[in-house]
N, C-alpha and C. Protein backbone atom coordinates (compact mmCIF):
# COMPACT_ATOMS: atom_id res chain seq x y z
N UNK A 1 16.50 0.19 -8.49
CA UNK A 1 15.39 -1.01 -8.59
C UNK A 1 14.29 -0.44 -7.80
N UNK A 2 12.91 -0.72 -8.16
CA UNK A 2 11.81 -0.32 -7.66
C UNK A 2 10.77 -1.55 -7.47
N UNK A 3 10.19 -1.71 -6.31
CA UNK A 3 9.08 -2.75 -6.21
C UNK A 3 8.19 -2.27 -5.44
N UNK A 4 6.84 -2.80 -5.57
CA UNK A 4 5.69 -2.30 -4.74
C UNK A 4 5.32 -3.74 -4.13
N UNK A 5 4.82 -3.74 -2.82
CA UNK A 5 4.41 -4.86 -2.06
C UNK A 5 3.10 -4.36 -1.41
N UNK A 6 2.21 -5.32 -1.18
CA UNK A 6 0.97 -5.25 -0.50
C UNK A 6 1.31 -5.41 1.03
N UNK A 7 0.60 -4.67 1.90
CA UNK A 7 0.71 -4.79 3.19
C UNK A 7 -0.64 -5.37 3.87
N UNK A 8 -0.70 -6.46 4.66
CA UNK A 8 -1.77 -6.99 5.09
C UNK A 8 -1.97 -6.65 6.58
N UNK A 9 -3.15 -6.30 6.92
CA UNK A 9 -3.52 -6.00 8.25
C UNK A 9 -2.81 -4.90 8.78
N UNK A 10 -2.59 -3.86 8.08
CA UNK A 10 -2.10 -2.40 8.51
C UNK A 10 -3.19 -1.80 9.03
N UNK A 11 -3.29 -1.46 10.40
CA UNK A 11 -4.41 -0.94 11.04
C UNK A 11 -4.37 0.60 11.30
N UNK A 12 -3.02 1.00 11.34
CA UNK A 12 -2.95 2.42 11.87
C UNK A 12 -2.11 3.34 10.83
N UNK A 13 -2.57 4.56 10.66
CA UNK A 13 -1.95 5.49 9.82
C UNK A 13 -0.47 5.81 10.44
N UNK A 14 -0.67 6.04 11.80
CA UNK A 14 0.65 6.52 12.51
C UNK A 14 1.64 5.29 12.62
N UNK A 15 1.19 4.09 12.51
CA UNK A 15 2.21 2.95 12.55
C UNK A 15 2.79 2.95 10.99
N UNK A 16 1.92 3.24 9.99
CA UNK A 16 2.52 3.20 8.76
C UNK A 16 3.66 4.29 8.57
N UNK A 17 3.54 5.33 9.24
CA UNK A 17 4.49 6.68 9.13
C UNK A 17 5.78 6.07 9.86
N UNK A 18 5.62 5.23 10.99
CA UNK A 18 6.81 4.79 11.63
C UNK A 18 7.53 3.82 10.93
N UNK A 19 6.73 2.94 10.31
CA UNK A 19 7.45 1.94 9.43
C UNK A 19 8.15 2.65 8.02
N UNK A 20 7.49 3.47 7.74
CA UNK A 20 7.98 4.19 6.60
C UNK A 20 9.54 4.98 6.97
N UNK A 21 9.58 5.59 7.96
CA UNK A 21 10.72 6.17 8.59
C UNK A 21 11.82 5.16 8.81
N UNK A 22 11.38 4.04 9.28
CA UNK A 22 12.37 2.86 9.83
C UNK A 22 12.99 2.38 8.47
N UNK A 23 12.15 2.12 7.68
CA UNK A 23 12.46 1.38 6.26
C UNK A 23 13.56 2.28 5.51
N UNK A 24 13.23 3.61 5.50
CA UNK A 24 13.95 4.53 4.87
C UNK A 24 15.51 4.86 5.49
N UNK A 25 15.51 4.30 6.63
CA UNK A 25 16.87 4.51 7.34
C UNK A 25 17.75 3.33 6.97
N UNK A 26 17.16 2.19 6.46
CA UNK A 26 17.91 1.14 6.10
C UNK A 26 18.94 1.45 5.02
N UNK A 27 20.20 0.70 5.45
CA UNK A 27 21.29 0.71 4.28
C UNK A 27 20.92 0.37 2.91
N UNK A 28 21.19 1.17 2.03
CA UNK A 28 20.69 0.74 0.63
C UNK A 28 19.45 1.19 -0.05
N UNK A 29 18.59 1.80 0.92
CA UNK A 29 17.33 2.10 0.48
C UNK A 29 17.56 3.39 -0.17
N UNK A 30 17.03 3.79 -1.25
CA UNK A 30 16.90 5.15 -1.85
C UNK A 30 15.80 5.88 -1.38
N UNK A 31 14.53 5.22 -1.62
CA UNK A 31 13.35 5.84 -1.05
C UNK A 31 12.34 4.69 -0.70
N UNK A 32 11.43 4.85 0.35
CA UNK A 32 10.45 3.92 0.66
C UNK A 32 9.38 4.78 1.19
N UNK A 33 8.16 4.34 0.62
CA UNK A 33 6.84 5.09 0.99
C UNK A 33 5.94 3.99 1.26
N UNK A 34 4.91 4.25 2.17
CA UNK A 34 3.92 3.58 2.62
C UNK A 34 2.63 4.32 2.46
N UNK A 35 1.70 3.72 1.63
CA UNK A 35 0.34 4.35 1.58
C UNK A 35 -0.73 3.58 2.37
N UNK A 36 -1.18 4.29 3.42
CA UNK A 36 -2.28 3.56 4.46
C UNK A 36 -3.28 3.40 3.65
N UNK A 37 -3.81 4.28 2.81
CA UNK A 37 -5.05 4.09 2.12
C UNK A 37 -5.21 2.72 1.23
N UNK A 38 -4.01 2.59 0.53
CA UNK A 38 -4.01 1.29 -0.45
C UNK A 38 -3.19 0.10 0.05
N UNK A 39 -2.79 0.38 1.26
CA UNK A 39 -2.03 -0.50 1.82
C UNK A 39 -0.94 -1.19 1.08
N UNK A 40 -0.08 -0.22 0.56
CA UNK A 40 1.08 -0.56 -0.48
C UNK A 40 2.22 0.14 0.15
N UNK A 41 3.44 -0.66 -0.04
CA UNK A 41 4.80 -0.33 0.28
C UNK A 41 5.63 -0.17 -0.92
N UNK A 42 6.11 0.96 -1.27
CA UNK A 42 7.08 1.12 -2.35
C UNK A 42 8.55 1.20 -1.99
N UNK A 43 9.43 0.45 -2.48
CA UNK A 43 10.92 0.43 -2.09
C UNK A 43 11.64 0.73 -3.33
N UNK A 44 12.47 1.58 -3.20
CA UNK A 44 13.44 1.97 -4.33
C UNK A 44 14.87 1.67 -3.62
N UNK A 45 15.70 0.99 -4.32
CA UNK A 45 16.95 0.66 -3.42
C UNK A 45 18.11 0.25 -4.61
N UNK A 46 19.14 0.04 -4.16
CA UNK A 46 20.15 -0.07 -5.05
C UNK A 46 19.98 -1.54 -5.92
N UNK A 47 20.66 -1.72 -6.93
CA UNK A 47 20.35 -2.85 -7.77
C UNK A 47 20.90 -4.18 -7.17
N UNK A 48 20.25 -5.10 -7.06
CA UNK A 48 20.75 -6.44 -6.55
C UNK A 48 20.73 -6.62 -4.95
N UNK A 49 20.09 -5.72 -4.27
CA UNK A 49 19.94 -5.77 -2.78
C UNK A 49 18.64 -5.87 -2.47
N UNK A 50 17.71 -6.02 -3.38
CA UNK A 50 16.24 -5.99 -2.92
C UNK A 50 15.93 -7.19 -1.89
N UNK A 51 16.43 -8.33 -2.12
CA UNK A 51 15.98 -9.43 -1.24
C UNK A 51 16.47 -9.14 0.22
N UNK A 52 17.66 -8.72 0.39
CA UNK A 52 18.21 -8.35 1.67
C UNK A 52 17.42 -7.31 2.33
N UNK A 53 17.09 -6.12 1.55
CA UNK A 53 16.21 -4.85 2.08
C UNK A 53 15.03 -5.35 2.39
N UNK A 54 14.40 -6.10 1.68
CA UNK A 54 12.92 -6.65 2.03
C UNK A 54 12.98 -7.55 3.34
N UNK A 55 13.86 -8.26 3.47
CA UNK A 55 14.04 -8.99 4.68
C UNK A 55 14.16 -7.95 5.93
N UNK A 56 14.73 -7.16 5.79
CA UNK A 56 15.05 -6.23 6.93
C UNK A 56 13.79 -5.30 7.11
N UNK A 57 13.27 -4.86 5.83
CA UNK A 57 11.86 -4.11 5.97
C UNK A 57 10.74 -4.84 6.69
N UNK A 58 10.79 -6.19 6.36
CA UNK A 58 9.85 -7.10 7.21
C UNK A 58 10.01 -7.05 8.59
N UNK A 59 11.30 -7.07 9.09
CA UNK A 59 11.57 -7.11 10.50
C UNK A 59 11.04 -5.70 10.97
N UNK A 60 11.46 -4.45 10.47
CA UNK A 60 11.05 -3.34 10.94
C UNK A 60 9.54 -3.04 10.94
N UNK A 61 8.75 -3.72 10.02
CA UNK A 61 7.22 -3.74 10.02
C UNK A 61 6.74 -4.39 11.24
N UNK A 62 7.41 -5.55 11.59
CA UNK A 62 7.08 -6.42 12.61
C UNK A 62 7.19 -5.76 14.02
N UNK A 63 8.33 -5.06 14.07
CA UNK A 63 8.79 -4.19 15.36
C UNK A 63 7.62 -3.21 15.66
N UNK A 64 6.96 -2.48 14.72
CA UNK A 64 6.02 -1.51 14.74
C UNK A 64 4.63 -2.06 14.99
N UNK A 65 4.39 -3.10 13.98
CA UNK A 65 2.92 -3.54 14.21
C UNK A 65 3.05 -5.15 13.92
N UNK A 66 3.16 -5.93 14.99
CA UNK A 66 3.45 -7.24 14.80
C UNK A 66 2.42 -8.11 13.99
N UNK A 67 1.08 -7.55 13.98
CA UNK A 67 0.10 -8.39 13.14
C UNK A 67 0.12 -8.03 11.51
N UNK A 68 0.88 -7.04 11.29
CA UNK A 68 1.11 -6.58 9.87
C UNK A 68 2.05 -7.44 9.08
N UNK A 69 1.59 -7.81 7.88
CA UNK A 69 2.60 -8.58 7.04
C UNK A 69 2.75 -8.20 5.58
N UNK A 70 4.06 -8.44 5.15
CA UNK A 70 4.38 -7.87 3.78
C UNK A 70 4.00 -9.14 2.96
N UNK A 71 3.19 -8.81 1.89
CA UNK A 71 2.84 -9.86 0.88
C UNK A 71 3.82 -9.72 -0.37
N UNK A 72 4.34 -10.94 -0.65
CA UNK A 72 5.43 -10.81 -1.66
C UNK A 72 4.88 -11.47 -2.87
């Protein structure tokens, strides 16, 4: 399953790379990419686990950049 989300207030390309690495380490994530230029997060994961993984991804994003939010 693949979904694309918009990121709001992502200010730093280095932070985007840190977020991407953290989300890729989450259990169930096949592949996650963040484009700093388009402010987009793409998550590929196991079927049926998207809600759980998105919640964990939001926490990972907030740990790196507290002002950044994931728009659902």
